[in-house]
C-alpha atoms as a PDB file:
ATOM      1  CA  UNK A   1    -144.992   5.830  11.436  1.00  0.00           C
ATOM      2  CA  UNK A   2    -146.092   4.744   8.149  1.00  0.00           C
ATOM      3  CA  UNK A   3    -150.034   4.714   7.130  1.00  0.00           C
ATOM      4  CA  UNK A   4    -152.188   2.866   5.292  1.00  0.00           C
ATOM      5  CA  UNK A   5    -155.517   2.708   3.987  1.00  0.00           C
ATOM      6  CA  UNK A   6    -157.575   1.050   1.375  1.00  0.00           C
ATOM      7  CA  UNK A   7    -159.495   2.386  -2.101  1.00  0.00           C
ATOM      8  CA  UNK A   8    -161.680   0.457  -3.811  1.00  0.00           C
ATOM      9  CA  UNK A   9    -161.430   0.994  -7.634  1.00  0.00           C
ATOM     10  CA  UNK A  10    -163.217  -0.374 -10.486  1.00  0.00           C
ATOM     11  CA  UNK A  11    -159.913  -2.193 -11.282  1.00  0.00           C
ATOM     12  CA  UNK A  12    -159.367  -3.942  -7.783  1.00  0.00           C
ATOM     13  CA  UNK A  13    -158.586  -2.705  -4.220  1.00  0.00           C
ATOM     14  CA  UNK A  14    -155.529  -0.512  -3.801  1.00  0.00           C
ATOM     15  CA  UNK A  15    -153.487   0.208  -1.105  1.00  0.00           C
ATOM     16  CA  UNK A  16    -152.750   3.901  -0.219  1.00  0.00           C
ATOM     17  CA  UNK A  17    -149.501   4.243   1.885  1.00  0.00           C
ATOM     18  CA  UNK A  18    -148.250   7.819   3.274  1.00  0.00           C
ATOM     19  CA  UNK A  19    -145.684   9.134   5.949  1.00  0.00           C
ATOM     20  CA  UNK A  20    -148.572  11.290   7.380  1.00  0.00           C
ATOM     21  CA  UNK A  21    -147.863  14.345   4.855  1.00  0.00           C
ATOM     22  CA  UNK A  22    -147.460  12.512   1.541  1.00  0.00           C
ATOM     23  CA  UNK A  23    -148.104   9.782  -0.651  1.00  0.00           C
ATOM     24  CA  UNK A  24    -145.395   7.432  -0.332  1.00  0.00           C
ATOM     25  CA  UNK A  25    -147.591   4.485  -2.335  1.00  0.00           C
ATOM     26  CA  UNK A  26    -150.592   3.259  -3.964  1.00  0.00           C
ATOM     27  CA  UNK A  27    -150.134  -0.394  -5.127  1.00  0.00           C
ATOM     28  CA  UNK A  28    -152.436  -2.795  -6.865  1.00  0.00           C
ATOM     29  CA  UNK A  29    -153.074  -5.726  -4.880  1.00  0.00           C
ATOM     30  CA  UNK A  30    -151.833  -8.092  -7.337  1.00  0.00           C
ATOM     31  CA  UNK A  31    -148.805  -5.762  -8.036  1.00  0.00           C
ATOM     32  CA  UNK A  32    -145.560  -7.979  -7.011  1.00  0.00           C
ATOM     33  CA  UNK A  33    -143.595  -5.107  -5.766  1.00  0.00           C
ATOM     34  CA  UNK A  34    -146.411  -4.011  -3.643  1.00  0.00           C
ATOM     35  CA  UNK A  35    -145.570  -3.137  -0.029  1.00  0.00           C
ATOM     36  CA  UNK A  36    -147.236  -5.610   2.807  1.00  0.00           C
ATOM     37  CA  UNK A  37    -147.926  -3.418   6.087  1.00  0.00           C
ATOM     38  CA  UNK A  38    -145.490  -4.178   8.941  1.00  0.00           C
ATOM     39  CA  UNK A  39    -146.187  -4.056  12.660  1.00  0.00           C
ATOM     40  CA  UNK A  40    -145.147  -0.485  13.012  1.00  0.00           C
ATOM     41  CA  UNK A  41    -147.867   0.494   9.980  1.00  0.00           C
ATOM     42  CA  UNK A  42    -151.145   1.680  10.997  1.00  0.00           C
ATOM     43  CA  UNK A  43    -154.191   1.696   9.256  1.00  0.00           C
ATOM     44  CA  UNK A  44    -156.020   5.285   9.462  1.00  0.00           C
ATOM     45  CA  UNK A  45    -158.367   6.223   6.828  1.00  0.00           C
ATOM     46  CA  UNK A  46    -158.244  10.154   7.665  1.00  0.00           C
ATOM     47  CA  UNK A  47    -154.151  10.827   7.553  1.00  0.00           C
ATOM     48  CA  UNK A  48    -152.969  13.210   5.196  1.00  0.00           C
ATOM     49  CA  UNK A  49    -153.162  13.178   2.030  1.00  0.00           C
ATOM     50  CA  UNK A  50    -155.688   9.705   2.207  1.00  0.00           C
ATOM     51  CA  UNK A  51    -159.013  11.652   1.971  1.00  0.00           C
ATOM     52  CA  UNK A  52    -157.456  14.332  -0.954  1.00  0.00           C
ATOM     53  CA  UNK A  53    -156.436  10.954  -2.686  1.00  0.00           C
ATOM     54  CA  UNK A  54    -159.708   9.131  -2.661  1.00  0.00           C
ATOM     55  CA  UNK A  55    -161.561  11.874  -3.634  1.00  0.00           C
ATOM     56  CA  UNK A  56    -158.896  12.408  -6.736  1.00  0.00           C
ATOM     57  CA  UNK A  57    -158.999   8.616  -7.560  1.00  0.00           C
ATOM     58  CA  UNK A  58    -163.068   8.899  -7.596  1.00  0.00           C
ATOM     59  CA  UNK A  59    -162.710  11.821 -10.050  1.00  0.00           C
ATOM     60  CA  UNK A  60    -160.226  10.156 -12.168  1.00  0.00           C
ATOM     61  CA  UNK A  61    -162.089   6.972 -12.607  1.00  0.00           C
ATOM     62  CA  UNK A  62    -165.295   8.767 -13.197  1.00  0.00           C
ATOM     63  CA  UNK A  63    -163.456  10.411 -16.039  1.00  0.00           C
ATOM     64  CA  UNK A  64    -163.831  14.414 -14.652  1.00  0.00           C
ATOM     65  CA  UNK A  65    -160.108  14.439 -13.365  1.00  0.00           C
ATOM     66  CA  UNK A  66    -156.973  14.120 -15.746  1.00  0.00           C
ATOM     67  CA  UNK A  67    -154.251  15.418 -13.835  1.00  0.00           C
ATOM     68  CA  UNK A  68    -153.669  14.637 -10.337  1.00  0.00           C
ATOM     69  CA  UNK A  69    -152.599  17.278  -7.737  1.00  0.00           C
ATOM     70  CA  UNK A  70    -151.152  15.593  -4.251  1.00  0.00           C
ATOM     71  CA  UNK A  71    -148.168  15.787  -2.035  1.00  0.00           C
ATOM     72  CA  UNK A  72    -146.066  12.704  -3.432  1.00  0.00           C
ATOM     73  CA  UNK A  73    -143.057  11.409  -1.853  1.00  0.00           C
ATOM     74  CA  UNK A  74    -141.024   8.703  -3.927  1.00  0.00           C
ATOM     75  CA  UNK A  75    -137.794   7.109  -3.078  1.00  0.00           C
ATOM     76  CA  UNK A  76    -135.734   5.176  -4.998  1.00  0.00           C
ATOM     77  CA  UNK A  77    -132.466   5.248  -6.685  1.00  0.00           C
ATOM     78  CA  UNK A  78    -131.564   9.153  -8.781  1.00  0.00           C
ATOM     79  CA  UNK A  79    -132.220   6.712 -12.298  1.00  0.00           C
ATOM     80  CA  UNK A  80    -135.584   5.327 -10.636  1.00  0.00           C
ATOM     81  CA  UNK A  81    -136.697   8.831  -9.817  1.00  0.00           C
ATOM     82  CA  UNK A  82    -135.910  10.383 -13.231  1.00  0.00           C
ATOM     83  CA  UNK A  83    -137.782   8.098 -14.735  1.00  0.00           C
ATOM     84  CA  UNK A  84    -140.645   8.262 -12.409  1.00  0.00           C
ATOM     85  CA  UNK A  85    -140.775  12.135 -12.640  1.00  0.00           C
ATOM     86  CA  UNK A  86    -140.993  11.751 -16.407  1.00  0.00           C
ATOM     87  CA  UNK A  87    -143.650   9.823 -15.984  1.00  0.00           C
ATOM     88  CA  UNK A  88    -145.608  12.781 -14.579  1.00  0.00           C
ATOM     89  CA  UNK A  89    -145.100  14.744 -18.053  1.00  0.00           C
ATOM     90  CA  UNK A  90    -146.927  11.903 -20.211  1.00  0.00           C
ATOM     91  CA  UNK A  91    -149.890  13.601 -21.312  1.00  0.00           C
ATOM     92  CA  UNK A  92    -153.324  12.122 -19.918  1.00  0.00           C
ATOM     93  CA  UNK A  93    -154.811   9.477 -22.623  1.00  0.00           C
ATOM     94  CA  UNK A  94    -151.525   9.001 -24.467  1.00  0.00           C
ATOM     95  CA  UNK A  95    -149.010   6.455 -24.692  1.00  0.00           C
ATOM     96  CA  UNK A  96    -145.563   6.408 -25.548  1.00  0.00           C
ATOM     97  CA  UNK A  97    -142.954   3.683 -25.850  1.00  0.00           C
ATOM     98  CA  UNK A  98    -140.056   2.819 -23.405  1.00  0.00           C
ATOM     99  CA  UNK A  99    -137.269   3.795 -25.911  1.00  0.00           C
ATOM    100  CA  UNK A 100    -139.477   7.390 -26.354  1.00  0.00           C
ATOM    101  CA  UNK A 101    -139.104   7.509 -22.673  1.00  0.00           C
ATOM    102  CA  UNK A 102    -135.447   6.661 -22.720  1.00  0.00           C
ATOM    103  CA  UNK A 103    -134.795   9.552 -25.005  1.00  0.00           C
ATOM    104  CA  UNK A 104    -136.788  11.858 -22.958  1.00  0.00           C
ATOM    105  CA  UNK A 105    -134.809  11.420 -20.427  1.00  0.00           C
ATOM    106  CA  UNK A 106    -131.235  11.520 -22.332  1.00  0.00           C
ATOM    107  CA  UNK A 107    -130.463   7.775 -22.065  1.00  0.00           C
ATOM    108  CA  UNK A 108    -131.487   6.404 -25.441  1.00  0.00           C
ATOM    109  CA  UNK A 109    -129.817   3.078 -25.315  1.00  0.00           C
ATOM    110  CA  UNK A 110    -131.198   2.730 -21.973  1.00  0.00           C
ATOM    111  CA  UNK A 111    -134.960   1.364 -22.551  1.00  0.00           C
ATOM    112  CA  UNK A 112    -134.698  -1.733 -20.635  1.00  0.00           C
ATOM    113  CA  UNK A 113    -133.238   0.226 -17.943  1.00  0.00           C
ATOM    114  CA  UNK A 114    -136.137   2.534 -18.062  1.00  0.00           C
ATOM    115  CA  UNK A 115    -138.608  -0.763 -18.337  1.00  0.00           C
ATOM    116  CA  UNK A 116    -137.209  -1.806 -15.215  1.00  0.00           C
ATOM    117  CA  UNK A 117    -137.538   1.785 -13.406  1.00  0.00           C
ATOM    118  CA  UNK A 118    -141.062   2.069 -14.475  1.00  0.00           C
ATOM    119  CA  UNK A 119    -141.864  -1.237 -12.950  1.00  0.00           C
ATOM    120  CA  UNK A 120    -140.860  -0.131  -9.633  1.00  0.00           C
ATOM    121  CA  UNK A 121    -142.875   3.015  -9.432  1.00  0.00           C
ATOM    122  CA  UNK A 122    -144.150   2.863  -5.963  1.00  0.00           C
ATOM    123  CA  UNK A 123    -147.422   5.193  -7.196  1.00  0.00           C
ATOM    124  CA  UNK A 124    -149.242   3.811  -9.811  1.00  0.00           C
ATOM    125  CA  UNK A 125    -152.319   5.346 -11.545  1.00  0.00           C
ATOM    126  CA  UNK A 126    -151.238   8.835 -10.320  1.00  0.00           C
ATOM    127  CA  UNK A 127    -147.819   8.555 -11.584  1.00  0.00           C
ATOM    128  CA  UNK A 128    -148.709   6.939 -15.042  1.00  0.00           C
ATOM    129  CA  UNK A 129    -146.649   4.018 -15.757  1.00  0.00           C
ATOM    130  CA  UNK A 130    -149.527   2.612 -17.314  1.00  0.00           C
ATOM    131  CA  UNK A 131    -148.997   4.947 -20.585  1.00  0.00           C
ATOM    132  CA  UNK A 132    -145.816   3.288 -21.473  1.00  0.00           C
ATOM    133  CA  UNK A 133    -145.784   0.420 -23.856  1.00  0.00           C
ATOM    134  CA  UNK A 134    -143.679  -1.228 -26.250  1.00  0.00           C
ATOM    135  CA  UNK A 135    -142.002  -0.064 -29.403  1.00  0.00           C
ATOM    136  CA  UNK A 136    -144.545  -2.170 -31.622  1.00  0.00           C
ATOM    137  CA  UNK A 137    -147.483  -0.504 -29.714  1.00  0.00           C
ATOM    138  CA  UNK A 138    -147.839  -3.821 -27.551  1.00  0.00           C
ATOM    139  CA  UNK A 139    -149.102  -3.893 -23.797  1.00  0.00           C
ATOM    140  CA  UNK A 140    -145.873  -5.065 -22.033  1.00  0.00           C
ATOM    141  CA  UNK A 141    -145.459  -5.449 -18.495  1.00  0.00           C
ATOM    142  CA  UNK A 142    -147.516  -3.937 -15.542  1.00  0.00           C
ATOM    143  CA  UNK A 143    -147.329  -4.696 -12.095  1.00  0.00           C
ATOM    144  CA  UNK A 144    -150.565  -4.899 -11.715  1.00  0.00           C
ATOM    145  CA  UNK A 145    -151.334  -6.804 -14.609  1.00  0.00           C
ATOM    146  CA  UNK A 146    -151.797  -6.268 -18.376  1.00  0.00           C
ATOM    147  CA  UNK A 147    -155.745  -6.556 -18.534  1.00  0.00           C
ATOM    148  CA  UNK A 148    -155.545  -3.557 -15.624  1.00  0.00           C
ATOM    149  CA  UNK A 149    -153.064  -1.702 -18.018  1.00  0.00           C
ATOM    150  CA  UNK A 150    -155.478  -2.143 -20.986  1.00  0.00           C
ATOM    151  CA  UNK A 151    -158.430  -1.175 -18.978  1.00  0.00           C
ATOM    152  CA  UNK A 152    -156.679   2.244 -17.680  1.00  0.00           C
ATOM    153  CA  UNK A 153    -155.159   3.074 -21.445  1.00  0.00           C
ATOM    154  CA  UNK A 154    -158.867   2.627 -22.787  1.00  0.00           C
ATOM    155  CA  UNK A 155    -160.839   4.605 -19.648  1.00  0.00           C
ATOM    156  CA  UNK A 156    -158.612   7.311 -20.365  1.00  0.00           C
ATOM    157  CA  UNK A 157    -158.510   7.279 -24.485  1.00  0.00           C
ATOM    158  CA  UNK A 158    -162.516   6.885 -24.040  1.00  0.00           C
ATOM    159  CA  UNK A 159    -162.728  10.340 -22.034  1.00  0.00           C
ATOM    160  CA  UNK A 160    -160.133  11.950 -24.577  1.00  0.00           C
ATOM    161  CA  UNK A 161    -162.778  11.169 -27.269  1.00  0.00           C
ATOM    162  CA  UNK A 162    -165.763  12.475 -25.330  1.00  0.00           C
ATOM    163  CA  UNK A 163    -163.996  15.703 -24.655  1.00  0.00           C
ATOM    164  CA  UNK A 164    -165.386  18.471 -26.942  1.00  0.00           C
ATOM    165  CA  UNK A 165    -163.056  19.148 -30.345  1.00  0.00           C
ATOM    166  CA  UNK A 166    -161.569  23.094 -30.044  1.00  0.00           C
ATOM    167  CA  UNK A 167    -160.972  24.544 -32.973  1.00  0.00           C
ATOM    168  CA  UNK A 168    -158.076  26.977 -33.437  1.00  0.00           C
ATOM    169  CA  UNK A 169    -159.245  30.573 -34.080  1.00  0.00           C
ATOM    170  CA  UNK A 170    -162.614  30.030 -33.035  1.00  0.00           C
END
């Protein structure tokens, strides 16, 4: 059985998808690769891990959560799964280029393939594909729209700027 529910975020309505144990999808409704509920899907707000996901998303958008801790299940090709796992290592409030991400996974000539895998990320925001930008620093491609990518990057940057600086040795 596949379960789904919705979460109203500041950037738009999000569809959450679960197998009853793990989050398997988080899609912006305008995203071109989002899953559309089928006959065998059941809308149920109480299914795991929807309540915890909504709580963590609320904290993220409020600026009080910088790292998600949810059971995730992402299915794709081996290459996609490697890229998606690497996305989870990009620090909150930071961005890297597609080329840098390709370097990190040991495939320095695969920046286009990394971009394609990034675009197929089934759990946006939580697996932060929005933190990957063009080599020239421009915001390129985002399934939910470049304006939402910009909003997420600016949101994280603004939260980082509000955090007190810690001086070494103090």
